[in-house]
N, C-alpha and C. Protein backbone atom coordinates (compact mmCIF):
# COMPACT_ATOMS: atom_id res chain seq x y z
N MET A 1 7.80 2.08 29.45
CA MET A 1 8.09 1.78 27.78
C MET A 1 8.33 2.85 27.45
N SER A 2 8.39 2.41 26.26
CA SER A 2 9.58 3.70 25.20
C SER A 2 8.92 5.01 24.66
N THR A 3 9.51 5.84 24.59
CA THR A 3 8.00 6.60 23.48
C THR A 3 8.80 6.68 21.68
N ILE A 4 7.03 6.27 21.33
CA ILE A 4 7.53 5.82 20.35
C ILE A 4 7.26 7.02 18.87
N LEU A 5 6.26 8.38 19.67
CA LEU A 5 5.71 9.17 18.51
C LEU A 5 5.84 10.11 19.83
N GLU A 6 6.83 11.54 18.80
CA GLU A 6 7.12 12.87 19.80
C GLU A 6 6.49 14.04 18.99
N VAL A 7 6.02 14.83 19.46
CA VAL A 7 5.79 16.31 18.32
C VAL A 7 5.91 16.83 19.08
N LYS A 8 6.75 18.13 18.67
CA LYS A 8 7.31 19.13 19.39
C LYS A 8 6.82 20.53 18.68
N ASN A 9 6.38 21.24 19.19
CA ASN A 9 5.69 22.62 19.16
C ASN A 9 4.79 22.53 17.55
N LEU A 10 4.29 21.66 17.59
CA LEU A 10 4.00 21.74 16.27
C LEU A 10 2.59 22.51 15.52
N THR A 11 2.87 23.63 14.49
CA THR A 11 1.62 24.54 14.21
C THR A 11 1.16 24.32 12.82
N ILE A 12 0.07 24.02 12.20
CA ILE A 12 -0.15 23.82 10.61
C ILE A 12 -0.70 25.06 10.60
N GLN A 13 -0.71 25.85 9.41
CA GLN A 13 -1.93 26.58 8.93
C GLN A 13 -2.01 26.50 7.39
N SER A 14 -3.53 26.69 7.28
CA SER A 14 -3.12 27.40 5.73
C SER A 14 -3.08 28.83 5.50
N PRO A 15 -3.51 28.77 4.17
CA PRO A 15 -3.54 30.46 3.75
C PRO A 15 -4.15 31.62 4.51
N LYS A 16 -5.69 30.96 4.78
CA LYS A 16 -6.39 31.72 5.63
C LYS A 16 -6.31 31.37 7.14
N LYS A 17 -6.08 30.38 7.78
CA LYS A 17 -5.94 30.18 9.20
C LYS A 17 -4.79 29.10 9.82
N LYS A 18 -5.01 29.41 11.16
CA LYS A 18 -3.64 28.58 12.02
C LYS A 18 -4.74 27.63 12.35
N ILE A 19 -4.58 26.19 11.93
CA ILE A 19 -5.48 24.94 12.33
C ILE A 19 -4.94 24.65 13.55
N ILE A 20 -3.73 24.60 13.68
CA ILE A 20 -2.81 23.84 14.83
C ILE A 20 -1.93 24.45 15.37
N SER A 21 -2.13 24.97 16.66
CA SER A 21 -0.90 26.19 17.37
C SER A 21 0.02 25.63 17.90
N ASP A 22 1.50 25.31 18.17
CA ASP A 22 2.34 25.00 18.81
C ASP A 22 2.22 23.65 19.62
N LEU A 23 1.72 22.63 19.24
CA LEU A 23 0.91 21.21 19.88
C LEU A 23 2.21 20.25 20.27
N SER A 24 2.33 19.97 21.12
CA SER A 24 3.14 19.04 21.95
C SER A 24 2.65 18.06 22.43
N PHE A 25 3.21 16.96 22.50
CA PHE A 25 3.20 15.88 23.26
C PHE A 25 3.92 14.21 23.02
N GLN A 26 4.08 12.99 23.82
CA GLN A 26 4.88 12.64 23.25
C GLN A 26 3.44 11.06 23.88
N ILE A 27 4.05 10.12 23.22
CA ILE A 27 3.02 8.27 22.77
C ILE A 27 4.00 8.07 23.55
N LYS A 28 3.51 6.68 24.42
CA LYS A 28 4.31 5.62 24.73
C LYS A 28 3.93 4.64 23.83
N ALA A 29 4.61 3.29 23.47
CA ALA A 29 4.52 2.09 22.64
C ALA A 29 3.52 1.65 23.56
N GLY A 30 2.36 0.97 23.27
CA GLY A 30 1.37 0.25 23.19
C GLY A 30 0.34 0.78 23.56
N ASP A 31 0.40 2.50 23.62
CA ASP A 31 -0.49 3.80 24.37
C ASP A 31 -2.04 3.39 23.26
N PHE A 32 -3.03 3.63 23.58
CA PHE A 32 -4.08 3.65 22.98
C PHE A 32 -4.44 5.05 23.00
N VAL A 33 -4.53 6.05 22.47
CA VAL A 33 -4.71 7.39 23.17
C VAL A 33 -5.61 7.97 22.02
N SER A 34 -7.11 8.89 22.86
CA SER A 34 -7.59 9.31 22.27
C SER A 34 -8.03 10.58 21.76
N VAL A 35 -7.99 11.19 20.72
CA VAL A 35 -7.80 12.55 19.52
C VAL A 35 -8.94 13.31 20.40
N LYS A 36 -9.31 14.25 21.32
CA LYS A 36 -10.22 14.70 20.80
C LYS A 36 -10.48 16.16 20.67
N GLY A 37 -11.81 16.86 20.65
CA GLY A 37 -11.88 18.13 20.31
C GLY A 37 -13.14 18.63 19.84
N PRO A 38 -13.39 19.91 19.70
CA PRO A 38 -14.51 20.18 18.99
C PRO A 38 -14.38 20.06 16.96
N SER A 39 -15.49 20.01 16.45
CA SER A 39 -15.24 20.19 14.93
C SER A 39 -14.54 21.32 14.83
N GLY A 40 -13.39 21.32 13.63
CA GLY A 40 -12.91 22.30 12.59
C GLY A 40 -11.13 22.18 14.06
N SER A 41 -11.32 21.30 14.92
CA SER A 41 -9.77 21.80 16.07
C SER A 41 -8.70 21.14 14.96
N GLY A 42 -8.46 20.59 14.04
CA GLY A 42 -7.94 19.68 13.63
C GLY A 42 -7.12 18.79 14.12
N LYS A 43 -8.06 17.86 14.64
CA LYS A 43 -7.70 16.71 15.00
C LYS A 43 -7.55 15.15 13.92
N SER A 44 -8.58 15.83 12.69
CA SER A 44 -7.90 14.62 11.45
C SER A 44 -6.82 15.45 10.29
N THR A 45 -6.01 16.50 10.77
CA THR A 45 -5.05 17.10 10.14
C THR A 45 -4.05 16.79 11.01
N LEU A 46 -3.96 16.88 12.42
CA LEU A 46 -2.84 15.96 13.04
C LEU A 46 -2.79 14.88 12.49
N LEU A 47 -3.53 13.77 13.15
CA LEU A 47 -3.01 12.55 12.12
C LEU A 47 -2.90 12.35 10.79
N LYS A 48 -3.43 12.95 10.24
CA LYS A 48 -2.81 13.02 7.94
C LYS A 48 -1.33 13.60 8.52
N GLU A 49 -1.45 14.64 8.94
CA GLU A 49 0.35 15.18 9.34
C GLU A 49 1.61 14.24 9.58
N LEU A 50 1.07 13.16 10.70
CA LEU A 50 2.29 12.30 10.74
C LEU A 50 2.47 11.41 9.65
N VAL A 51 1.70 11.16 8.57
CA VAL A 51 2.00 10.49 7.44
C VAL A 51 2.18 10.74 5.94
N TYR A 52 2.34 12.30 6.36
CA TYR A 52 2.16 13.19 5.25
C TYR A 52 0.96 13.14 4.00
N LEU A 53 -0.40 13.26 5.18
CA LEU A 53 -0.78 13.25 3.85
C LEU A 53 -2.36 13.95 3.58
N ASN A 54 -1.49 15.55 4.31
CA ASN A 54 -2.58 16.94 4.56
C ASN A 54 -2.20 17.53 3.46
N ALA A 55 -2.98 18.56 2.64
CA ALA A 55 -3.00 19.22 1.46
C ALA A 55 -2.06 20.03 1.61
N PRO A 56 -1.57 20.06 0.23
CA PRO A 56 0.06 20.38 -0.21
C PRO A 56 0.40 22.13 0.06
N ASN A 57 -1.33 22.81 0.36
CA ASN A 57 -1.13 23.97 0.34
C ASN A 57 -1.07 24.10 2.54
N LEU A 58 -1.06 23.57 3.05
CA LEU A 58 -0.88 23.53 4.70
C LEU A 58 0.57 23.61 4.60
N SER A 59 1.44 24.31 5.62
CA SER A 59 2.38 24.81 5.55
C SER A 59 2.27 24.17 7.54
N ARG A 60 3.80 23.70 7.76
CA ARG A 60 4.06 23.19 8.48
C ARG A 60 5.18 23.82 9.35
N SER A 61 5.45 23.84 10.95
CA SER A 61 6.55 24.04 11.66
C SER A 61 6.51 23.09 12.80
N GLY A 62 7.74 23.28 13.99
CA GLY A 62 7.36 22.11 14.39
C GLY A 62 8.33 20.80 14.06
N LYS A 63 8.63 19.69 14.70
CA LYS A 63 9.28 18.62 14.82
C LYS A 63 7.91 17.24 15.29
N ILE A 64 7.84 16.32 14.27
CA ILE A 64 7.37 14.83 14.58
C ILE A 64 8.70 13.97 14.42
N TYR A 65 8.84 13.04 15.49
CA TYR A 65 9.79 11.83 15.51
C TYR A 65 9.10 10.59 15.71
N PHE A 66 8.97 9.56 14.81
CA PHE A 66 9.02 8.19 14.92
C PHE A 66 10.17 7.20 15.42
N ASN A 67 10.07 6.69 16.30
CA ASN A 67 11.45 6.22 17.23
C ASN A 67 12.78 6.97 16.97
N ASP A 68 11.85 8.16 17.75
CA ASP A 68 13.58 8.99 17.95
C ASP A 68 14.20 9.60 16.68
N LYS A 69 13.57 9.04 15.47
CA LYS A 69 14.05 9.69 13.68
C LYS A 69 12.72 10.50 13.62
N GLU A 70 12.83 11.75 12.70
CA GLU A 70 12.23 12.80 12.37
C GLU A 70 11.65 12.07 11.12
N ILE A 71 10.52 12.03 11.13
CA ILE A 71 9.22 11.55 10.26
C ILE A 71 9.30 12.03 8.59
N SER A 72 10.27 13.11 8.58
CA SER A 72 10.58 13.44 7.53
C SER A 72 12.17 12.68 6.59
N ASP A 73 12.89 12.19 7.61
CA ASP A 73 13.82 11.35 7.31
C ASP A 73 13.54 9.96 6.78
N TYR A 74 12.43 9.56 6.97
CA TYR A 74 11.80 8.05 6.41
C TYR A 74 11.63 8.30 5.22
N PRO A 75 11.65 7.32 4.12
CA PRO A 75 11.02 7.14 2.60
C PRO A 75 9.52 7.17 2.96
N PRO A 76 8.40 7.64 2.15
CA PRO A 76 7.20 7.70 2.41
C PRO A 76 6.51 5.98 2.22
N ILE A 77 7.25 5.33 1.34
CA ILE A 77 6.65 4.19 2.24
C ILE A 77 7.09 3.44 3.48
N GLU A 78 8.02 3.50 3.58
CA GLU A 78 8.53 2.67 4.54
C GLU A 78 7.60 3.59 5.84
N LEU A 79 7.52 4.98 6.15
CA LEU A 79 6.84 5.26 6.63
C LEU A 79 5.46 5.15 6.77
N ARG A 80 4.82 4.37 5.82
CA ARG A 80 3.38 4.29 5.61
C ARG A 80 3.03 2.62 6.24
N GLN A 81 3.86 2.42 6.00
CA GLN A 81 3.89 0.98 6.19
C GLN A 81 4.31 0.77 8.18
N ASN A 82 4.71 2.06 8.67
CA ASN A 82 4.64 1.78 9.73
C ASN A 82 3.97 2.57 10.45
N ILE A 83 3.37 3.11 9.75
CA ILE A 83 2.30 4.10 10.58
C ILE A 83 0.66 4.41 9.52
N ALA A 84 0.09 3.97 10.03
CA ALA A 84 -0.73 3.45 9.02
C ALA A 84 -2.42 4.12 9.39
N TYR A 85 -2.54 4.78 7.97
CA TYR A 85 -3.80 5.65 8.20
C TYR A 85 -5.22 5.34 8.33
N CYS A 86 -5.88 5.28 8.52
CA CYS A 86 -7.57 4.74 8.45
C CYS A 86 -8.32 6.11 8.27
N PHE A 87 -8.65 6.63 7.15
CA PHE A 87 -9.70 7.14 6.77
C PHE A 87 -11.15 7.04 7.18
N GLN A 88 -11.71 8.19 7.39
CA GLN A 88 -13.23 7.83 7.72
C GLN A 88 -13.73 7.60 6.82
N THR A 89 -13.66 8.20 5.58
CA THR A 89 -14.33 7.92 3.88
C THR A 89 -13.60 6.84 3.12
N ALA A 90 -13.67 5.70 3.35
CA ALA A 90 -12.25 4.65 3.13
C ALA A 90 -11.75 4.92 1.86
N GLN A 91 -10.77 4.63 1.74
CA GLN A 91 -10.10 5.51 0.11
C GLN A 91 -9.39 4.01 -0.24
N LEU A 92 -10.43 3.52 -1.38
CA LEU A 92 -10.07 2.01 -2.31
C LEU A 92 -9.91 2.66 -3.58
N PHE A 93 -8.90 1.48 -3.70
CA PHE A 93 -8.05 1.56 -5.57
C PHE A 93 -8.88 0.21 -6.46
N GLY A 94 -8.45 0.75 -7.62
CA GLY A 94 -8.69 -0.69 -8.39
C GLY A 94 -10.02 -0.85 -8.71
N ARG A 95 -10.30 -2.04 -9.24
CA ARG A 95 -11.51 -2.72 -8.98
C ARG A 95 -12.14 -3.23 -8.23
N THR A 96 -11.90 -4.30 -7.58
CA THR A 96 -12.18 -5.17 -6.36
C THR A 96 -11.63 -4.80 -5.34
N VAL A 97 -11.57 -5.73 -4.78
CA VAL A 97 -11.24 -6.59 -2.98
C VAL A 97 -10.07 -6.72 -3.42
N GLU A 98 -10.23 -7.65 -4.19
CA GLU A 98 -9.05 -7.95 -4.36
C GLU A 98 -7.75 -7.56 -4.78
N ASP A 99 -7.45 -6.18 -5.42
CA ASP A 99 -6.86 -5.30 -5.73
C ASP A 99 -6.49 -4.57 -4.55
N ASN A 100 -7.35 -4.26 -3.21
CA ASN A 100 -6.67 -3.91 -2.23
C ASN A 100 -6.13 -5.04 -1.17
N LEU A 101 -6.68 -5.84 -0.99
CA LEU A 101 -6.40 -6.71 0.03
C LEU A 101 -4.42 -7.52 -0.90
N SER A 102 -4.38 -7.78 -2.10
CA SER A 102 -3.33 -7.77 -2.34
C SER A 102 -2.38 -7.25 -2.42
N PHE A 103 -2.59 -5.80 -2.48
CA PHE A 103 -1.53 -4.58 -2.17
C PHE A 103 -0.34 -4.47 -1.47
N PRO A 104 -0.50 -4.59 -0.60
CA PRO A 104 0.22 -4.84 0.92
C PRO A 104 1.21 -5.97 0.56
N TYR A 105 0.54 -7.21 0.01
CA TYR A 105 2.01 -7.96 -0.63
C TYR A 105 2.32 -7.92 -2.18
N GLU A 106 1.83 -7.33 -2.88
CA GLU A 106 2.69 -6.82 -3.90
C GLU A 106 3.72 -6.06 -3.36
N ILE A 107 3.74 -4.91 -2.59
CA ILE A 107 4.86 -3.81 -2.67
C ILE A 107 5.60 -4.54 -1.48
N ARG A 108 5.71 -5.25 -0.94
CA ARG A 108 6.41 -6.20 -0.29
C ARG A 108 7.29 -7.28 -1.17
N ASP A 109 6.24 -7.19 -2.13
CA ASP A 109 7.14 -8.52 -3.32
C ASP A 109 7.12 -10.06 -2.55
N LEU A 110 5.86 -9.86 -1.90
CA LEU A 110 5.32 -11.49 -1.35
C LEU A 110 4.15 -12.23 -1.91
N SER A 111 4.33 -13.41 -2.37
CA SER A 111 2.88 -14.19 -2.33
C SER A 111 2.03 -14.08 -1.61
N VAL A 112 0.26 -13.52 -2.22
CA VAL A 112 -0.77 -13.49 -1.23
C VAL A 112 -1.19 -14.39 -0.86
N ASP A 113 -1.28 -14.19 0.93
CA ASP A 113 -1.38 -14.81 1.56
C ASP A 113 -3.36 -14.46 1.71
N LYS A 114 -3.93 -16.24 0.81
CA LYS A 114 -5.35 -15.97 0.85
C LYS A 114 -6.06 -16.74 2.32
N GLU A 115 -5.48 -17.08 2.99
CA GLU A 115 -5.59 -18.29 3.69
C GLU A 115 -5.44 -16.78 5.31
N LYS A 116 -5.41 -15.66 5.41
CA LYS A 116 -4.69 -14.98 6.18
C LYS A 116 -5.95 -13.85 5.63
N ILE A 117 -5.81 -13.73 4.35
CA ILE A 117 -7.08 -12.62 4.06
C ILE A 117 -8.54 -13.08 4.42
N ASN A 118 -8.96 -13.94 4.18
CA ASN A 118 -10.09 -15.05 4.37
C ASN A 118 -10.51 -14.67 5.89
N TYR A 119 -9.55 -15.27 6.68
CA TYR A 119 -8.84 -15.14 7.92
C TYR A 119 -10.05 -13.25 8.59
N LEU A 120 -8.95 -12.75 8.04
CA LEU A 120 -9.57 -11.34 8.43
C LEU A 120 -10.69 -10.93 7.62
N LEU A 121 -11.00 -11.47 6.91
CA LEU A 121 -12.53 -10.88 6.27
C LEU A 121 -13.58 -11.48 7.26
N ASP A 122 -13.08 -12.72 8.02
CA ASP A 122 -14.29 -13.66 8.63
C ASP A 122 -14.12 -12.41 10.38
N GLU A 123 -13.01 -12.15 10.28
CA GLU A 123 -13.41 -11.04 11.89
C GLU A 123 -13.92 -10.77 11.89
N VAL A 124 -14.13 -9.52 10.58
CA VAL A 124 -14.79 -8.07 10.40
C VAL A 124 -16.28 -8.68 9.90
N ARG A 125 -16.52 -9.80 10.38
CA ARG A 125 -17.64 -10.47 9.24
C ARG A 125 -18.29 -10.10 7.95
N LEU A 126 -17.23 -9.99 7.28
CA LEU A 126 -17.08 -10.17 5.64
C LEU A 126 -16.86 -11.40 5.44
N SER A 127 -17.93 -12.60 4.54
CA SER A 127 -17.45 -13.57 4.08
C SER A 127 -16.41 -13.51 2.83
N ASN A 128 -15.67 -14.80 2.42
CA ASN A 128 -15.18 -15.15 1.53
C ASN A 128 -15.56 -14.48 0.43
N ASP A 129 -16.29 -14.78 0.12
CA ASP A 129 -16.92 -14.14 -1.53
C ASP A 129 -16.65 -12.80 -1.76
N TYR A 130 -16.69 -11.89 -1.12
CA TYR A 130 -16.41 -9.95 -0.72
C TYR A 130 -14.72 -10.04 -1.59
N TYR A 131 -14.09 -10.77 -1.65
CA TYR A 131 -12.37 -11.03 -2.57
C TYR A 131 -13.01 -10.70 -3.70
N LYS A 132 -13.57 -11.05 -4.34
CA LYS A 132 -13.76 -10.81 -6.18
C LYS A 132 -14.80 -9.84 -6.14
N THR A 133 -15.63 -8.82 -5.07
CA THR A 133 -16.44 -7.91 -5.28
C THR A 133 -15.92 -6.41 -5.78
N GLU A 134 -16.38 -6.38 -6.77
CA GLU A 134 -15.92 -4.82 -7.02
C GLU A 134 -16.56 -3.77 -6.05
N ILE A 135 -15.80 -2.73 -5.89
CA ILE A 135 -15.62 -1.91 -5.15
C ILE A 135 -16.88 -1.13 -4.80
N GLN A 136 -17.34 -0.62 -6.17
CA GLN A 136 -18.79 0.44 -6.59
C GLN A 136 -19.68 -0.78 -5.91
N ASN A 137 -19.67 -1.81 -5.85
CA ASN A 137 -21.05 -2.42 -5.24
C ASN A 137 -20.75 -2.88 -3.25
N LEU A 138 -19.86 -2.00 -2.87
CA LEU A 138 -19.79 -2.32 -1.16
C LEU A 138 -20.22 -0.88 -0.94
N SER A 139 -20.75 -0.91 -0.05
CA SER A 139 -21.67 -0.23 1.29
C SER A 139 -20.28 0.32 1.92
N GLY A 140 -20.69 1.50 2.54
CA GLY A 140 -19.80 2.56 3.44
C GLY A 140 -19.38 1.59 4.22
N GLY A 141 -20.16 1.33 5.19
CA GLY A 141 -19.68 0.17 5.96
C GLY A 141 -18.60 -0.87 5.41
N GLU A 142 -19.00 -1.55 4.40
CA GLU A 142 -18.15 -2.77 3.72
C GLU A 142 -16.40 -1.63 3.44
N LYS A 143 -16.38 -0.73 3.00
CA LYS A 143 -15.79 -0.20 2.27
C LYS A 143 -14.65 0.40 4.05
N GLN A 144 -15.14 0.43 4.80
CA GLN A 144 -14.47 0.92 5.82
C GLN A 144 -13.73 -0.32 6.27
N ARG A 145 -14.52 -1.33 6.80
CA ARG A 145 -13.88 -2.51 6.91
C ARG A 145 -12.87 -3.27 6.06
N ILE A 146 -12.88 -3.50 4.87
CA ILE A 146 -12.25 -3.85 3.82
C ILE A 146 -10.05 -2.45 3.92
N ALA A 147 -10.93 -1.38 3.92
CA ALA A 147 -9.66 -0.78 3.88
C ALA A 147 -8.88 -0.55 5.42
N LEU A 148 -9.65 -1.25 6.53
CA LEU A 148 -9.11 -1.32 7.93
C LEU A 148 -8.04 -2.42 7.67
N ILE A 149 -8.62 -3.45 7.00
CA ILE A 149 -7.73 -4.69 7.18
C ILE A 149 -7.04 -4.53 6.22
N ARG A 150 -7.00 -4.08 4.98
CA ARG A 150 -5.50 -3.52 4.24
C ARG A 150 -4.61 -3.15 5.00
N ASN A 151 -4.89 -1.89 6.08
CA ASN A 151 -4.47 -1.17 6.87
C ASN A 151 -3.57 -2.67 8.15
N LEU A 152 -4.13 -3.63 8.23
CA LEU A 152 -4.18 -4.83 9.59
C LEU A 152 -2.98 -6.02 8.85
N ILE A 153 -3.12 -6.08 7.56
CA ILE A 153 -2.70 -7.44 6.97
C ILE A 153 -0.99 -7.66 7.60
N PHE A 154 -0.39 -6.45 7.27
CA PHE A 154 0.80 -6.30 8.03
C PHE A 154 1.10 -5.42 9.06
N PRO A 155 0.65 -5.71 10.76
CA PRO A 155 0.67 -4.69 11.38
C PRO A 155 1.83 -4.02 11.52
N PRO A 156 0.54 -2.72 11.54
CA PRO A 156 1.75 -1.51 11.36
C PRO A 156 2.44 -1.34 13.07
N LYS A 157 3.36 -0.09 13.51
CA LYS A 157 4.05 0.15 14.37
C LYS A 157 2.48 0.99 15.25
N ILE A 158 1.96 1.85 14.20
CA ILE A 158 0.95 3.38 14.69
C ILE A 158 0.12 2.99 13.98
N LEU A 159 -1.14 2.99 14.32
CA LEU A 159 -2.29 3.05 13.76
C LEU A 159 -2.93 4.11 13.99
N LEU A 160 -3.54 4.82 13.51
CA LEU A 160 -4.01 6.16 13.47
C LEU A 160 -5.69 5.73 12.79
N LEU A 161 -6.55 5.75 13.41
CA LEU A 161 -8.44 5.65 13.34
C LEU A 161 -8.83 7.01 13.39
N ASP A 162 -9.60 7.31 12.08
CA ASP A 162 -9.88 8.56 11.79
C ASP A 162 -11.49 8.06 11.59
N GLU A 163 -12.43 8.21 12.79
CA GLU A 163 -13.69 7.75 12.92
C GLU A 163 -14.01 6.58 11.79
N VAL A 164 -13.39 5.37 12.12
CA VAL A 164 -13.44 3.97 11.10
C VAL A 164 -14.66 3.44 11.06
N THR A 165 -15.72 3.90 12.67
CA THR A 165 -16.67 2.95 12.82
C THR A 165 -18.39 3.79 12.19
N SER A 166 -17.99 4.91 11.80
CA SER A 166 -18.76 5.93 11.48
C SER A 166 -19.98 5.56 10.40
N ALA A 167 -19.51 4.62 9.65
CA ALA A 167 -20.61 3.89 8.54
C ALA A 167 -21.29 2.48 9.37
N LEU A 168 -20.73 2.26 10.70
CA LEU A 168 -21.30 1.11 10.85
C LEU A 168 -22.64 0.86 11.89
N ASP A 169 -23.31 -0.39 11.48
CA ASP A 169 -24.71 -0.14 12.94
C ASP A 169 -23.65 -0.54 13.83
N GLN A 170 -24.79 -0.25 15.26
CA GLN A 170 -24.52 -0.72 16.52
C GLN A 170 -23.69 -2.31 16.88
N GLU A 171 -24.28 -2.76 16.39
CA GLU A 171 -23.94 -5.11 16.44
C GLU A 171 -22.65 -5.22 15.66
N THR A 172 -22.75 -4.38 14.27
CA THR A 172 -21.17 -4.23 13.47
C THR A 172 -20.28 -3.77 14.13
N ARG A 173 -20.45 -2.60 14.76
CA ARG A 173 -19.45 -1.67 15.23
C ARG A 173 -18.58 -2.62 16.53
N GLU A 174 -19.29 -3.35 17.18
CA GLU A 174 -19.55 -3.84 18.50
C GLU A 174 -18.19 -5.26 18.20
N ILE A 175 -18.85 -5.78 17.26
CA ILE A 175 -18.08 -7.25 16.59
C ILE A 175 -16.67 -6.54 16.22
N LEU A 176 -16.85 -5.62 15.44
CA LEU A 176 -15.60 -4.59 15.11
C LEU A 176 -14.66 -4.71 16.02
N TRP A 177 -14.77 -3.74 17.34
CA TRP A 177 -14.45 -3.38 18.02
C TRP A 177 -13.65 -4.55 19.20
N SER A 178 -14.24 -5.62 19.67
CA SER A 178 -13.83 -6.50 19.94
C SER A 178 -12.93 -7.47 19.32
N TRP A 179 -13.25 -7.31 17.97
CA TRP A 179 -11.94 -8.25 17.59
C TRP A 179 -10.84 -6.87 17.34
N LEU A 180 -10.24 -5.85 16.89
CA LEU A 180 -9.81 -4.90 16.52
C LEU A 180 -8.79 -4.62 17.94
N LEU A 181 -9.65 -4.94 18.77
CA LEU A 181 -8.66 -4.36 20.51
C LEU A 181 -7.80 -5.37 20.63
N LYS A 182 -8.75 -6.83 20.73
CA LYS A 182 -7.96 -8.37 20.48
C LYS A 182 -6.67 -7.83 19.82
N TYR A 183 -6.59 -7.77 18.39
CA TYR A 183 -5.35 -7.81 17.58
C TYR A 183 -4.60 -6.71 17.88
N ILE A 184 -4.96 -5.39 18.30
CA ILE A 184 -4.04 -4.77 18.48
C ILE A 184 -2.97 -4.90 20.10
N GLU A 185 -3.86 -5.30 20.92
CA GLU A 185 -3.00 -5.72 21.92
C GLU A 185 -1.85 -6.91 21.32
N LYS A 186 -2.47 -8.08 20.54
CA LYS A 186 -1.66 -8.80 19.98
C LYS A 186 -0.41 -8.75 19.49
N GLU A 187 -0.87 -7.65 18.96
CA GLU A 187 0.15 -6.71 17.58
C GLU A 187 1.13 -6.25 18.39
N ASP A 188 0.84 -5.66 19.40
CA ASP A 188 1.50 -4.47 20.01
C ASP A 188 0.73 -3.37 19.02
N ILE A 189 0.42 -3.31 19.03
CA ILE A 189 -0.10 -1.51 18.15
C ILE A 189 -0.83 -0.70 18.70
N THR A 190 0.90 0.31 18.67
CA THR A 190 0.42 1.93 19.43
C THR A 190 -1.16 2.52 18.34
N THR A 191 -2.56 2.72 19.40
CA THR A 191 -3.12 3.24 18.89
C THR A 191 -3.80 5.25 18.69
N LEU A 192 -3.89 5.65 17.80
CA LEU A 192 -4.70 7.29 18.11
C LEU A 192 -6.10 7.17 17.30
N MET A 193 -6.56 8.03 17.94
CA MET A 193 -8.24 7.17 17.57
C MET A 193 -9.24 8.94 17.38
N ILE A 194 -9.77 8.89 16.54
CA ILE A 194 -10.42 10.27 16.39
C ILE A 194 -11.73 9.22 16.34
N SER A 195 -13.00 9.53 17.23
CA SER A 195 -14.75 9.24 17.04
C SER A 195 -15.37 10.24 17.81
N HIS A 196 -16.61 10.69 16.91
CA HIS A 196 -17.68 11.32 17.57
C HIS A 196 -18.22 10.71 18.44
N LEU A 197 -17.96 8.98 18.75
CA LEU A 197 -18.94 8.44 19.62
C LEU A 197 -18.35 8.25 21.21
N SER A 198 -19.01 8.79 22.57
CA SER A 198 -18.22 8.78 23.21
C SER A 198 -17.83 7.48 23.84
N LYS A 199 -18.65 6.09 23.56
CA LYS A 199 -18.27 4.85 23.48
C LYS A 199 -16.97 4.63 23.60
N ASP A 200 -16.46 5.19 22.61
CA ASP A 200 -15.14 4.64 21.73
C ASP A 200 -14.20 4.98 22.93
N HIS A 201 -14.16 5.84 23.28
CA HIS A 201 -13.17 6.82 23.71
C HIS A 201 -13.08 5.85 25.20
N GLN A 202 -13.84 5.04 25.92
CA GLN A 202 -13.46 4.20 26.92
C GLN A 202 -12.20 3.36 26.98
N TYR A 203 -11.94 2.97 25.20
CA TYR A 203 -10.78 2.09 25.16
C TYR A 203 -9.57 2.45 25.39
N ALA A 204 -9.52 3.83 25.11
CA ALA A 204 -8.24 4.69 25.17
C ALA A 204 -7.85 4.52 26.83
N ASN A 205 -6.44 4.93 27.09
CA ASN A 205 -5.58 4.88 28.15
C ASN A 205 -4.94 6.30 28.84
N LYS A 206 -5.10 7.06 27.13
CA LYS A 206 -4.12 8.06 27.39
C LYS A 206 -5.44 9.15 26.46
N GLU A 207 -5.59 10.22 26.59
CA GLU A 207 -6.05 11.23 26.31
C GLU A 207 -5.25 12.46 25.92
N ILE A 208 -5.89 12.73 24.16
CA ILE A 208 -5.39 14.31 23.91
C ILE A 208 -6.11 15.22 23.18
N MET A 209 -6.70 15.82 24.32
CA MET A 209 -7.35 17.42 23.91
C MET A 209 -7.19 18.83 22.86
N ILE A 210 -7.30 18.58 21.84
CA ILE A 210 -7.11 19.92 21.06
C ILE A 210 -8.43 20.60 20.70
N SER A 211 -7.88 21.63 21.30
CA SER A 211 -9.00 22.53 21.76
C SER A 211 -8.43 24.49 21.91
N ASN A 212 -9.20 25.03 21.09
CA ASN A 212 -8.73 26.48 21.26
C ASN A 212 -7.10 26.82 20.71
N ASN A 213 -6.76 25.92 19.47
CA ASN A 213 -6.15 25.96 19.42
C ASN A 213 -4.15 25.73 20.66
N HIS A 214 -4.77 25.09 21.33
CA HIS A 214 -3.89 24.64 22.25
C HIS A 214 -4.01 23.16 22.70
N GLN A 215 -3.26 22.29 23.27
CA GLN A 215 -3.71 20.91 23.73
C GLN A 215 -3.34 20.84 25.44
N GLU A 216 -4.38 19.86 25.54
CA GLU A 216 -3.63 19.37 26.56
C GLU A 216 -3.48 17.67 26.65
N SER A 217 -2.68 16.87 27.85
CA SER A 217 -2.72 15.58 27.63
C SER A 217 -3.39 14.92 29.24
N GLU A 218 -3.89 13.93 29.03
CA GLU A 218 -4.14 13.59 30.35
C GLU A 218 -3.14 11.75 30.13
N GLU A 219 -3.63 11.16 31.01
CA GLU A 219 -3.23 9.93 30.43
C GLU A 219 -4.37 9.39 32.35
N ASP A 220 -4.65 8.07 32.06
CA ASP A 220 -5.33 6.81 32.85
C ASP A 220 -4.82 6.40 33.82
């Protein structure tokens, strides 16, 4: 498989400290990558940097390539349509679930496919009634699932998962993973995942360990 993502000598630092130091790795198309490391080692910082979502006070050196093109050469909207980041604390906007799930269609000037949205809601164990629900009435776990399917209505090339099942109970987590793994395989989505649950890492075929400001990479 061809390389879809390459990081070369990436260093990220805040005004007070170096967060990531001289990080390099390659990811092939279709890989499912587990990103591991102790708390504060820069796991979330790494994923956010791939789509320019880090705080502006952080400085960066090094290169990041998506499909052999540096990510800074992509318009931000195009980059985030190809590389989708899912926050641990779901970032919803507007007033209702509808506002969020219609947005991917609106930015592409397409009609909303309500049938597909209903299918996706059902797959993550949310009824069709949720479509009109106000986001202030959603639980943390419901928000996580809405944010996830918002990112998957149009499958990205790369999916970045940052503790996206942290607010779910065990049964719902297992249901979600059962569906998500099938969807990722069907749509050939390259995935990078952060999770504090050791069980989640069994799904990966490659591991990146960030520890003490250095990086190690292993493949199964």
